[in-house]
Structure formats: structure tokens, C-alpha cells
């Protein structure tokens, strides 16, 4: 695994921990189909959560929260539909797309921010 992949994996681990601490149950990580990959599929009460995780180092080009463009949001919706088709349809609480942004500074603790319903 290269440095970028290691940074991404580190951010996903932090994101999964943050989600779990918030009472969200992780169903799958790095779920893949032909259309792409969902970083985290989870259940928050009775709502399915499709979670995109973006990790950046301090001083990177853009803040992780700027990473979900309209094109990315549409792809996440398509991926959610694909996941639902393979897993029996939507739960009673519907589907929500969340973003967890992780900023890793040169020194000190990383900053993890979870935003619900970004798309």
C-alpha cells in the first residue's frame, strides 16, 4: 500500500470509530460493485447511511468537506441504489448520505468531522 492509500485507510478507521461512538452500526466497509465503492455502509436507528470518507493532510489542496461535488453525490446515490438492490431494499428510515472529513496535521491529533445528509 502506498502513502496515499495508508492515509485513506487511517482516515476510514478514524471515521468508523467516530460513527460507532455516535451509536451508528457499521454494516460494511469498502463495499464495491461495478459502479464504484462505498467507504462505509451503516445503520443509524432505522436509516441506512452511505458514508463517504475523505482524508487530507493539513495544507492539502482542498478541505475534505469540499470533496462531495454534485457529480460525486450522484454517484453515491447510484451506489446506494445498487447496495439496496442487493440487500433487500430500503429500511423504514430511508437512506441518508453522510460525509466524514478527516484532517491530519503534521503534529497533534487529527480532526474528524461528521456531517449528516450531505446529498
C-alpha atoms as a PDB file:
ATOM      1  CA  UNK A   1       0.000   0.000   0.000  1.00  0.00           C
ATOM      2  CA  UNK A   2       1.320   3.437  -0.887  1.00  0.00           C
ATOM      3  CA  UNK A   3       1.341   6.501   1.391  1.00  0.00           C
ATOM      4  CA  UNK A   4      -1.908   7.851  -0.053  1.00  0.00           C
ATOM      5  CA  UNK A   5      -3.634   4.503   0.475  1.00  0.00           C
ATOM      6  CA  UNK A   6      -2.327   4.304   4.033  1.00  0.00           C
ATOM      7  CA  UNK A   7      -3.606   7.807   4.771  1.00  0.00           C
ATOM      8  CA  UNK A   8      -7.021   6.891   3.362  1.00  0.00           C
ATOM      9  CA  UNK A   9      -7.174   3.684   5.406  1.00  0.00           C
ATOM     10  CA  UNK A  10      -6.190   5.624   8.551  1.00  0.00           C
ATOM     11  CA  UNK A  11      -8.974   8.144   7.899  1.00  0.00           C
ATOM     12  CA  UNK A  12     -11.525   5.393   7.303  1.00  0.00           C
ATOM     13  CA  UNK A  13     -10.567   3.744  10.586  1.00  0.00           C
ATOM     14  CA  UNK A  14     -10.997   7.052  12.428  1.00  0.00           C
ATOM     15  CA  UNK A  15     -14.322   7.636  10.675  1.00  0.00           C
ATOM     16  CA  UNK A  16     -15.616   4.169  11.589  1.00  0.00           C
ATOM     17  CA  UNK A  17     -14.641   4.779  15.207  1.00  0.00           C
ATOM     18  CA  UNK A  18     -16.414   8.172  15.247  1.00  0.00           C
ATOM     19  CA  UNK A  19     -19.571   6.686  13.708  1.00  0.00           C
ATOM     20  CA  UNK A  20     -19.592   3.793  16.168  1.00  0.00           C
ATOM     21  CA  UNK A  21     -19.120   6.178  19.102  1.00  0.00           C
ATOM     22  CA  UNK A  22     -22.180   8.087  17.832  1.00  0.00           C
ATOM     23  CA  UNK A  23     -24.264   4.905  18.065  1.00  0.00           C
ATOM     24  CA  UNK A  24     -24.193   4.148  14.337  1.00  0.00           C
ATOM     25  CA  UNK A  25     -23.774   0.467  13.454  1.00  0.00           C
ATOM     26  CA  UNK A  26     -21.265  -0.292  10.707  1.00  0.00           C
ATOM     27  CA  UNK A  27     -22.665  -2.868   8.281  1.00  0.00           C
ATOM     28  CA  UNK A  28     -19.887  -2.893   5.685  1.00  0.00           C
ATOM     29  CA  UNK A  29     -16.683  -1.083   4.818  1.00  0.00           C
ATOM     30  CA  UNK A  30     -15.293  -0.616   1.323  1.00  0.00           C
ATOM     31  CA  UNK A  31     -18.302  -2.223  -0.362  1.00  0.00           C
ATOM     32  CA  UNK A  32     -17.744  -2.486  -4.096  1.00  0.00           C
ATOM     33  CA  UNK A  33     -19.800  -3.027  -7.200  1.00  0.00           C
ATOM     34  CA  UNK A  34     -19.277  -2.178 -10.872  1.00  0.00           C
ATOM     35  CA  UNK A  35     -20.356   1.431 -10.275  1.00  0.00           C
ATOM     36  CA  UNK A  36     -17.701   2.066  -7.619  1.00  0.00           C
ATOM     37  CA  UNK A  37     -17.149   1.830  -3.882  1.00  0.00           C
ATOM     38  CA  UNK A  38     -18.949   2.933  -0.747  1.00  0.00           C
ATOM     39  CA  UNK A  39     -16.481   3.655   2.067  1.00  0.00           C
ATOM     40  CA  UNK A  40     -18.903   2.850   4.897  1.00  0.00           C
ATOM     41  CA  UNK A  41     -22.418   1.417   4.873  1.00  0.00           C
ATOM     42  CA  UNK A  42     -24.068   1.789   8.258  1.00  0.00           C
ATOM     43  CA  UNK A  43     -27.359   1.853  10.131  1.00  0.00           C
ATOM     44  CA  UNK A  44     -28.370   4.860  12.218  1.00  0.00           C
ATOM     45  CA  UNK A  45     -31.511   3.810  14.081  1.00  0.00           C
ATOM     46  CA  UNK A  46     -33.725   2.730  11.156  1.00  0.00           C
ATOM     47  CA  UNK A  47     -31.952   4.749   8.430  1.00  0.00           C
ATOM     48  CA  UNK A  48     -29.337   3.351   6.083  1.00  0.00           C
ATOM     49  CA  UNK A  49     -26.261   5.576   5.941  1.00  0.00           C
ATOM     50  CA  UNK A  50     -23.967   5.653   2.923  1.00  0.00           C
ATOM     51  CA  UNK A  51     -20.873   7.398   4.188  1.00  0.00           C
ATOM     52  CA  UNK A  52     -18.084   8.913   2.127  1.00  0.00           C
ATOM     53  CA  UNK A  53     -14.800   9.373   3.982  1.00  0.00           C
ATOM     54  CA  UNK A  54     -12.277  11.964   2.820  1.00  0.00           C
ATOM     55  CA  UNK A  55      -8.897  12.322   4.484  1.00  0.00           C
ATOM     56  CA  UNK A  56      -6.434  15.129   3.866  1.00  0.00           C
ATOM     57  CA  UNK A  57      -3.207  16.314   5.398  1.00  0.00           C
ATOM     58  CA  UNK A  58      -3.094  19.857   6.735  1.00  0.00           C
ATOM     59  CA  UNK A  59      -2.356  22.252   3.887  1.00  0.00           C
ATOM     60  CA  UNK A  60      -3.749  19.905   1.223  1.00  0.00           C
ATOM     61  CA  UNK A  61      -5.366  21.402  -1.856  1.00  0.00           C
ATOM     62  CA  UNK A  62      -8.938  21.324  -0.554  1.00  0.00           C
ATOM     63  CA  UNK A  63     -10.683  20.678   2.727  1.00  0.00           C
ATOM     64  CA  UNK A  64     -12.203  17.186   2.841  1.00  0.00           C
ATOM     65  CA  UNK A  65     -15.693  18.643   3.205  1.00  0.00           C
ATOM     66  CA  UNK A  66     -15.387  20.221  -0.261  1.00  0.00           C
ATOM     67  CA  UNK A  67     -14.934  16.794  -1.826  1.00  0.00           C
ATOM     68  CA  UNK A  68     -18.591  15.900  -2.368  1.00  0.00           C
ATOM     69  CA  UNK A  69     -19.372  17.653  -5.618  1.00  0.00           C
ATOM     70  CA  UNK A  70     -22.754  17.247  -7.348  1.00  0.00           C
ATOM     71  CA  UNK A  71     -21.197  14.573  -9.582  1.00  0.00           C
ATOM     72  CA  UNK A  72     -19.840  12.680  -6.550  1.00  0.00           C
ATOM     73  CA  UNK A  73     -23.217  12.992  -4.780  1.00  0.00           C
ATOM     74  CA  UNK A  74     -25.000  11.492  -7.788  1.00  0.00           C
ATOM     75  CA  UNK A  75     -22.518   8.610  -7.888  1.00  0.00           C
ATOM     76  CA  UNK A  76     -23.108   7.965  -4.174  1.00  0.00           C
ATOM     77  CA  UNK A  77     -26.876   7.885  -4.794  1.00  0.00           C
ATOM     78  CA  UNK A  78     -26.376   5.333  -7.600  1.00  0.00           C
ATOM     79  CA  UNK A  79     -24.130   3.248  -5.348  1.00  0.00           C
ATOM     80  CA  UNK A  80     -26.741   3.377  -2.575  1.00  0.00           C
ATOM     81  CA  UNK A  81     -29.385   2.138  -5.026  1.00  0.00           C
ATOM     82  CA  UNK A  82     -27.098  -0.708  -6.065  1.00  0.00           C
ATOM     83  CA  UNK A  83     -26.455  -1.669  -2.424  1.00  0.00           C
ATOM     84  CA  UNK A  84     -30.200  -1.614  -1.689  1.00  0.00           C
ATOM     85  CA  UNK A  85     -30.974  -3.807  -4.711  1.00  0.00           C
ATOM     86  CA  UNK A  86     -28.556  -6.433  -3.432  1.00  0.00           C
ATOM     87  CA  UNK A  87     -29.661  -6.197   0.205  1.00  0.00           C
ATOM     88  CA  UNK A  88     -33.447  -6.201   0.077  1.00  0.00           C
ATOM     89  CA  UNK A  89     -34.477  -2.604  -0.389  1.00  0.00           C
ATOM     90  CA  UNK A  90     -34.581   0.474   1.809  1.00  0.00           C
ATOM     91  CA  UNK A  91     -35.120   0.314   5.568  1.00  0.00           C
ATOM     92  CA  UNK A  92     -38.092   2.114   7.172  1.00  0.00           C
ATOM     93  CA  UNK A  93     -35.985   5.199   7.914  1.00  0.00           C
ATOM     94  CA  UNK A  94     -34.847   5.619   4.319  1.00  0.00           C
ATOM     95  CA  UNK A  95     -31.344   6.363   3.090  1.00  0.00           C
ATOM     96  CA  UNK A  96     -29.001   9.173   4.061  1.00  0.00           C
ATOM     97  CA  UNK A  97     -25.642  10.158   2.579  1.00  0.00           C
ATOM     98  CA  UNK A  98     -23.105  11.393   5.115  1.00  0.00           C
ATOM     99  CA  UNK A  99     -19.563  12.665   4.880  1.00  0.00           C
ATOM    100  CA  UNK A 100     -16.782  12.205   7.370  1.00  0.00           C
ATOM    101  CA  UNK A 101     -13.868  14.554   6.789  1.00  0.00           C
ATOM    102  CA  UNK A 102     -10.537  13.855   8.457  1.00  0.00           C
ATOM    103  CA  UNK A 103      -7.718  16.399   8.560  1.00  0.00           C
ATOM    104  CA  UNK A 104      -4.364  15.023   9.698  1.00  0.00           C
ATOM    105  CA  UNK A 105      -1.992  17.728  10.934  1.00  0.00           C
ATOM    106  CA  UNK A 106       1.789  17.452  10.921  1.00  0.00           C
ATOM    107  CA  UNK A 107       1.634  17.386  14.728  1.00  0.00           C
ATOM    108  CA  UNK A 108      -1.177  16.660  17.139  1.00  0.00           C
ATOM    109  CA  UNK A 109      -4.455  14.813  16.908  1.00  0.00           C
ATOM    110  CA  UNK A 110      -6.425  14.507  13.694  1.00  0.00           C
ATOM    111  CA  UNK A 111      -9.670  16.458  13.349  1.00  0.00           C
ATOM    112  CA  UNK A 112     -12.677  14.304  12.476  1.00  0.00           C
ATOM    113  CA  UNK A 113     -15.900  15.970  11.346  1.00  0.00           C
ATOM    114  CA  UNK A 114     -19.136  14.058  10.595  1.00  0.00           C
ATOM    115  CA  UNK A 115     -21.818  15.824   8.545  1.00  0.00           C
ATOM    116  CA  UNK A 116     -25.174  14.110   8.070  1.00  0.00           C
ATOM    117  CA  UNK A 117     -27.258  14.340   4.937  1.00  0.00           C
ATOM    118  CA  UNK A 118     -24.807  15.991   2.567  1.00  0.00           C
ATOM    119  CA  UNK A 119     -26.573  14.783  -0.561  1.00  0.00           C
END
